[in-house]
Amino acid sequence: MKKILIIYAIALTSISCSNAQQKDFSKKALNGVLTTTENKEVTFKDVLEKYKGKTILMEVWASWCGDCVGAMPKVKELQATNPDVVFMFVSMDKTFDKWNAGIAKHDLNGEHYWVNDAERMKGAFGKSIDVDWIPRYIIINKKGKIELYRAIETEFDKINATLKTLK
């Protein structure tokens, strides 16, 4: 019986630790290179510095992603109810042109960056922020700390609640 309880405790600890939210981005993530809509390269660290002092809702998405497109009305609702939040869209689109066409087609207002990596989500930047599904949402507070590291399109209640705590 003791062995079963010990195994159960270890399993429970492992699960709870794996679901823990990160508070900081790794050095690898911060050094990740993104492309602007003007086709200029910038590090993720520089992007975060640009918006320091503001709450950021970062969405990792792609124009070809059905779940991403399906979640856009909810994102637009969040934008309407959170005008002080910076909405940053980080695209995993395959080409610069398709990414820009997707922004226009879906009328996405916010800050836009593209992951120019042939492996997209499985590339260096995608791995550095643990992208395993899109859309993926990350909320960063005014001090540059991560408030919500892992949220997907079914968790808009959690996203909205987190944003409310940061007002």
C-alpha atoms as a PDB file:
ATOM      1  CA  MET A   1       0.000   0.000   0.000  1.00  0.00           C
ATOM      2  CA  LYS A   2       2.853   2.411   0.818  1.00  0.00           C
ATOM      3  CA  LYS A   3       4.384   1.813  -2.609  1.00  0.00           C
ATOM      4  CA  ILE A   4       1.107   2.641  -4.327  1.00  0.00           C
ATOM      5  CA  LEU A   5       0.773   5.888  -2.360  1.00  0.00           C
ATOM      6  CA  ILE A   6       4.374   6.865  -3.150  1.00  0.00           C
ATOM      7  CA  ILE A   7       3.866   6.159  -6.872  1.00  0.00           C
ATOM      8  CA  TYR A   8       0.617   8.146  -6.804  1.00  0.00           C
ATOM      9  CA  ALA A   9       2.316  11.096  -5.061  1.00  0.00           C
ATOM     10  CA  ILE A  10       5.176  11.100  -7.579  1.00  0.00           C
ATOM     11  CA  ALA A  11       2.739  10.957 -10.511  1.00  0.00           C
ATOM     12  CA  LEU A  12       0.629  13.765  -9.070  1.00  0.00           C
ATOM     13  CA  THR A  13       3.701  15.941  -8.497  1.00  0.00           C
ATOM     14  CA  SER A  14       4.939  15.306 -12.034  1.00  0.00           C
ATOM     15  CA  ILE A  15       1.595  16.221 -13.567  1.00  0.00           C
ATOM     16  CA  SER A  16       1.210  19.406 -11.524  1.00  0.00           C
ATOM     17  CA  CYS A  17       4.756  20.519 -12.350  1.00  0.00           C
ATOM     18  CA  SER A  18       4.280  19.900 -16.070  1.00  0.00           C
ATOM     19  CA  ASN A  19       1.159  22.102 -16.059  1.00  0.00           C
ATOM     20  CA  ALA A  20       2.867  24.961 -14.241  1.00  0.00           C
ATOM     21  CA  GLN A  21       2.875  28.303 -15.978  1.00  0.00           C
ATOM     22  CA  GLN A  22       6.204  29.842 -16.905  1.00  0.00           C
ATOM     23  CA  LYS A  23       6.911  33.414 -15.771  1.00  0.00           C
ATOM     24  CA  ASP A  24       9.838  34.240 -18.057  1.00  0.00           C
ATOM     25  CA  PHE A  25      10.831  33.431 -21.621  1.00  0.00           C
ATOM     26  CA  SER A  26      13.996  31.416 -22.154  1.00  0.00           C
ATOM     27  CA  LYS A  27      17.136  33.014 -23.550  1.00  0.00           C
ATOM     28  CA  LYS A  28      16.576  30.993 -26.725  1.00  0.00           C
ATOM     29  CA  ALA A  29      13.068  32.431 -27.114  1.00  0.00           C
ATOM     30  CA  LEU A  30      14.236  35.990 -26.453  1.00  0.00           C
ATOM     31  CA  ASN A  31      16.936  35.627 -29.114  1.00  0.00           C
ATOM     32  CA  GLY A  32      14.435  34.234 -31.633  1.00  0.00           C
ATOM     33  CA  VAL A  33      14.207  36.236 -34.832  1.00  0.00           C
ATOM     34  CA  LEU A  34      10.856  37.425 -36.173  1.00  0.00           C
ATOM     35  CA  THR A  35      10.042  39.314 -39.362  1.00  0.00           C
ATOM     36  CA  THR A  36       7.979  42.521 -39.411  1.00  0.00           C
ATOM     37  CA  THR A  37       5.366  43.420 -42.016  1.00  0.00           C
ATOM     38  CA  GLU A  38       8.041  45.718 -43.481  1.00  0.00           C
ATOM     39  CA  ASN A  39      10.167  42.573 -44.025  1.00  0.00           C
ATOM     40  CA  LYS A  40      12.744  43.533 -41.384  1.00  0.00           C
ATOM     41  CA  GLU A  41      14.156  41.110 -38.849  1.00  0.00           C
ATOM     42  CA  VAL A  42      13.839  41.790 -35.136  1.00  0.00           C
ATOM     43  CA  THR A  43      14.496  39.692 -32.052  1.00  0.00           C
ATOM     44  CA  PHE A  44      11.621  38.619 -29.849  1.00  0.00           C
ATOM     45  CA  LYS A  45      13.394  40.381 -26.971  1.00  0.00           C
ATOM     46  CA  ASP A  46      13.278  43.680 -28.886  1.00  0.00           C
ATOM     47  CA  VAL A  47       9.590  43.171 -29.632  1.00  0.00           C
ATOM     48  CA  LEU A  48       8.838  42.626 -25.940  1.00  0.00           C
ATOM     49  CA  GLU A  49      10.927  45.683 -24.990  1.00  0.00           C
ATOM     50  CA  LYS A  50       8.911  47.785 -27.458  1.00  0.00           C
ATOM     51  CA  TYR A  51       5.723  47.035 -25.512  1.00  0.00           C
ATOM     52  CA  LYS A  52       7.140  47.050 -21.972  1.00  0.00           C
ATOM     53  CA  GLY A  53       4.754  48.852 -19.654  1.00  0.00           C
ATOM     54  CA  LYS A  54       1.745  47.434 -21.501  1.00  0.00           C
ATOM     55  CA  THR A  55      -0.164  44.193 -21.191  1.00  0.00           C
ATOM     56  CA  ILE A  56       0.337  41.988 -24.254  1.00  0.00           C
ATOM     57  CA  LEU A  57      -1.925  39.260 -25.566  1.00  0.00           C
ATOM     58  CA  MET A  58       0.180  37.242 -27.985  1.00  0.00           C
ATOM     59  CA  GLU A  59      -1.560  34.902 -30.406  1.00  0.00           C
ATOM     60  CA  VAL A  60       0.467  32.357 -32.342  1.00  0.00           C
ATOM     61  CA  TRP A  61      -1.558  31.624 -35.462  1.00  0.00           C
ATOM     62  CA  ALA A  62      -1.514  30.955 -39.226  1.00  0.00           C
ATOM     63  CA  SER A  63      -3.871  32.015 -42.005  1.00  0.00           C
ATOM     64  CA  TRP A  64      -4.338  28.367 -43.075  1.00  0.00           C
ATOM     65  CA  CYS A  65      -5.369  27.269 -39.560  1.00  0.00           C
ATOM     66  CA  GLY A  66      -9.119  26.616 -39.300  1.00  0.00           C
ATOM     67  CA  ASP A  67      -9.114  26.838 -35.494  1.00  0.00           C
ATOM     68  CA  CYS A  68      -7.271  30.169 -35.691  1.00  0.00           C
ATOM     69  CA  VAL A  69      -9.774  31.646 -38.148  1.00  0.00           C
ATOM     70  CA  GLY A  70     -12.660  30.242 -36.111  1.00  0.00           C
ATOM     71  CA  ALA A  71     -11.362  31.952 -32.961  1.00  0.00           C
ATOM     72  CA  MET A  72     -10.987  35.388 -34.557  1.00  0.00           C
ATOM     73  CA  PRO A  73     -14.444  36.671 -33.521  1.00  0.00           C
ATOM     74  CA  LYS A  74     -13.517  35.942 -29.876  1.00  0.00           C
ATOM     75  CA  VAL A  75     -10.173  37.725 -30.313  1.00  0.00           C
ATOM     76  CA  LYS A  76     -11.978  40.736 -31.782  1.00  0.00           C
ATOM     77  CA  GLU A  77     -14.349  40.729 -28.780  1.00  0.00           C
ATOM     78  CA  LEU A  78     -11.314  40.762 -26.479  1.00  0.00           C
ATOM     79  CA  GLN A  79      -9.872  43.670 -28.449  1.00  0.00           C
ATOM     80  CA  ALA A  80     -13.122  45.614 -28.065  1.00  0.00           C
ATOM     81  CA  THR A  81     -13.284  45.042 -24.292  1.00  0.00           C
ATOM     82  CA  ASN A  82      -9.539  45.514 -23.676  1.00  0.00           C
ATOM     83  CA  PRO A  83      -8.465  48.594 -25.650  1.00  0.00           C
ATOM     84  CA  ASP A  84      -5.344  49.116 -23.508  1.00  0.00           C
ATOM     85  CA  VAL A  85      -3.963  45.655 -24.321  1.00  0.00           C
ATOM     86  CA  VAL A  86      -1.454  45.213 -27.143  1.00  0.00           C
ATOM     87  CA  PHE A  87      -2.611  42.409 -29.420  1.00  0.00           C
ATOM     88  CA  MET A  88       0.432  40.784 -30.977  1.00  0.00           C
ATOM     89  CA  PHE A  89      -0.048  38.201 -33.700  1.00  0.00           C
ATOM     90  CA  VAL A  90       2.882  35.863 -34.386  1.00  0.00           C
ATOM     91  CA  SER A  91       2.326  33.929 -37.595  1.00  0.00           C
ATOM     92  CA  MET A  92       3.459  30.447 -38.541  1.00  0.00           C
ATOM     93  CA  ASP A  93       2.461  30.951 -42.193  1.00  0.00           C
ATOM     94  CA  LYS A  94       4.663  29.345 -44.836  1.00  0.00           C
ATOM     95  CA  THR A  95       5.414  32.501 -46.823  1.00  0.00           C
ATOM     96  CA  PHE A  96       5.620  36.234 -46.237  1.00  0.00           C
ATOM     97  CA  ASP A  97       2.996  36.879 -48.942  1.00  0.00           C
ATOM     98  CA  LYS A  98       0.475  34.387 -47.543  1.00  0.00           C
ATOM     99  CA  TRP A  99       0.958  35.850 -44.082  1.00  0.00           C
ATOM    100  CA  ASN A 100       0.287  39.417 -45.278  1.00  0.00           C
ATOM    101  CA  ALA A 101      -2.706  38.249 -47.330  1.00  0.00           C
ATOM    102  CA  GLY A 102      -4.079  36.527 -44.208  1.00  0.00           C
ATOM    103  CA  ILE A 103      -3.778  39.714 -42.156  1.00  0.00           C
ATOM    104  CA  ALA A 104      -5.729  41.649 -44.798  1.00  0.00           C
ATOM    105  CA  LYS A 105      -8.302  38.902 -45.446  1.00  0.00           C
ATOM    106  CA  HIS A 106      -9.173  38.519 -41.780  1.00  0.00           C
ATOM    107  CA  ASP A 107      -8.876  42.248 -41.001  1.00  0.00           C
ATOM    108  CA  LEU A 108      -6.564  41.644 -38.048  1.00  0.00           C
ATOM    109  CA  ASN A 109      -5.776  44.787 -36.110  1.00  0.00           C
ATOM    110  CA  GLY A 110      -2.710  44.655 -33.921  1.00  0.00           C
ATOM    111  CA  GLU A 111       1.014  44.143 -34.080  1.00  0.00           C
ATOM    112  CA  HIS A 112       2.177  41.510 -36.549  1.00  0.00           C
ATOM    113  CA  TYR A 113       5.281  39.332 -36.710  1.00  0.00           C
ATOM    114  CA  TRP A 114       6.147  36.294 -38.795  1.00  0.00           C
ATOM    115  CA  VAL A 115       8.261  33.295 -37.851  1.00  0.00           C
ATOM    116  CA  ASN A 116      10.453  32.967 -40.937  1.00  0.00           C
ATOM    117  CA  ASP A 117      11.539  29.388 -40.272  1.00  0.00           C
ATOM    118  CA  ALA A 118      10.940  26.526 -42.699  1.00  0.00           C
ATOM    119  CA  GLU A 119      10.000  24.255 -39.804  1.00  0.00           C
ATOM    120  CA  ARG A 120       7.421  26.729 -38.405  1.00  0.00           C
ATOM    121  CA  MET A 121       6.051  25.386 -35.104  1.00  0.00           C
ATOM    122  CA  LYS A 122       8.764  22.723 -34.957  1.00  0.00           C
ATOM    123  CA  GLY A 123      11.494  25.266 -35.667  1.00  0.00           C
ATOM    124  CA  ALA A 124      13.752  26.983 -33.157  1.00  0.00           C
ATOM    125  CA  PHE A 125      11.350  29.758 -32.116  1.00  0.00           C
ATOM    126  CA  GLY A 126       8.298  27.481 -32.007  1.00  0.00           C
ATOM    127  CA  LYS A 127      10.147  25.017 -29.787  1.00  0.00           C
ATOM    128  CA  SER A 128      11.495  27.804 -27.567  1.00  0.00           C
ATOM    129  CA  ILE A 129       7.949  28.851 -26.615  1.00  0.00           C
ATOM    130  CA  ASP A 130       6.602  25.280 -26.595  1.00  0.00           C
ATOM    131  CA  VAL A 131       4.179  25.668 -29.498  1.00  0.00           C
ATOM    132  CA  ASP A 132       2.388  22.380 -29.964  1.00  0.00           C
ATOM    133  CA  TRP A 133      -0.970  23.737 -31.117  1.00  0.00           C
ATOM    134  CA  ILE A 134      -2.309  26.865 -32.760  1.00  0.00           C
ATOM    135  CA  PRO A 135      -3.935  29.128 -32.017  1.00  0.00           C
ATOM    136  CA  ARG A 136      -1.920  29.528 -28.861  1.00  0.00           C
ATOM    137  CA  TYR A 137      -2.283  32.492 -26.523  1.00  0.00           C
ATOM    138  CA  ILE A 138       0.262  33.957 -24.120  1.00  0.00           C
ATOM    139  CA  ILE A 139      -0.415  36.925 -21.841  1.00  0.00           C
ATOM    140  CA  ILE A 140       2.497  39.098 -20.740  1.00  0.00           C
ATOM    141  CA  ASN A 141       2.065  41.683 -17.984  1.00  0.00           C
ATOM    142  CA  LYS A 142       3.309  45.289 -17.927  1.00  0.00           C
ATOM    143  CA  LYS A 143       6.574  44.208 -16.302  1.00  0.00           C
ATOM    144  CA  GLY A 144       7.312  41.735 -19.094  1.00  0.00           C
ATOM    145  CA  LYS A 145       6.478  38.664 -17.010  1.00  0.00           C
ATOM    146  CA  ILE A 146       4.292  35.874 -18.339  1.00  0.00           C
ATOM    147  CA  GLU A 147       0.865  35.741 -16.687  1.00  0.00           C
ATOM    148  CA  LEU A 148      -0.607  32.991 -18.860  1.00  0.00           C
ATOM    149  CA  TYR A 149       1.736  30.760 -20.836  1.00  0.00           C
ATOM    150  CA  ARG A 150      -0.530  28.150 -22.362  1.00  0.00           C
ATOM    151  CA  ALA A 151      -4.045  28.829 -23.561  1.00  0.00           C
ATOM    152  CA  ILE A 152      -5.863  27.654 -26.669  1.00  0.00           C
ATOM    153  CA  GLU A 153      -9.029  28.691 -28.507  1.00  0.00           C
ATOM    154  CA  THR A 154     -11.320  26.846 -26.087  1.00  0.00           C
ATOM    155  CA  GLU A 155     -10.022  28.831 -23.102  1.00  0.00           C
ATOM    156  CA  PHE A 156     -11.258  32.353 -23.755  1.00  0.00           C
ATOM    157  CA  ASP A 157     -12.845  32.495 -20.288  1.00  0.00           C
ATOM    158  CA  LYS A 158      -9.393  31.927 -18.755  1.00  0.00           C
ATOM    159  CA  ILE A 159      -7.825  34.465 -21.140  1.00  0.00           C
ATOM    160  CA  ASN A 160     -10.467  37.080 -20.335  1.00  0.00           C
ATOM    161  CA  ALA A 161     -10.199  36.465 -16.575  1.00  0.00           C
ATOM    162  CA  THR A 162      -6.417  36.855 -16.724  1.00  0.00           C
ATOM    163  CA  LEU A 163      -6.715  40.121 -18.666  1.00  0.00           C
ATOM    164  CA  LYS A 164      -9.200  41.449 -16.097  1.00  0.00           C
ATOM    165  CA  THR A 165      -6.716  40.838 -13.267  1.00  0.00           C
ATOM    166  CA  LEU A 166      -4.152  42.981 -15.088  1.00  0.00           C
ATOM    167  CA  LYS A 167      -6.292  46.130 -15.483  1.00  0.00           C
END
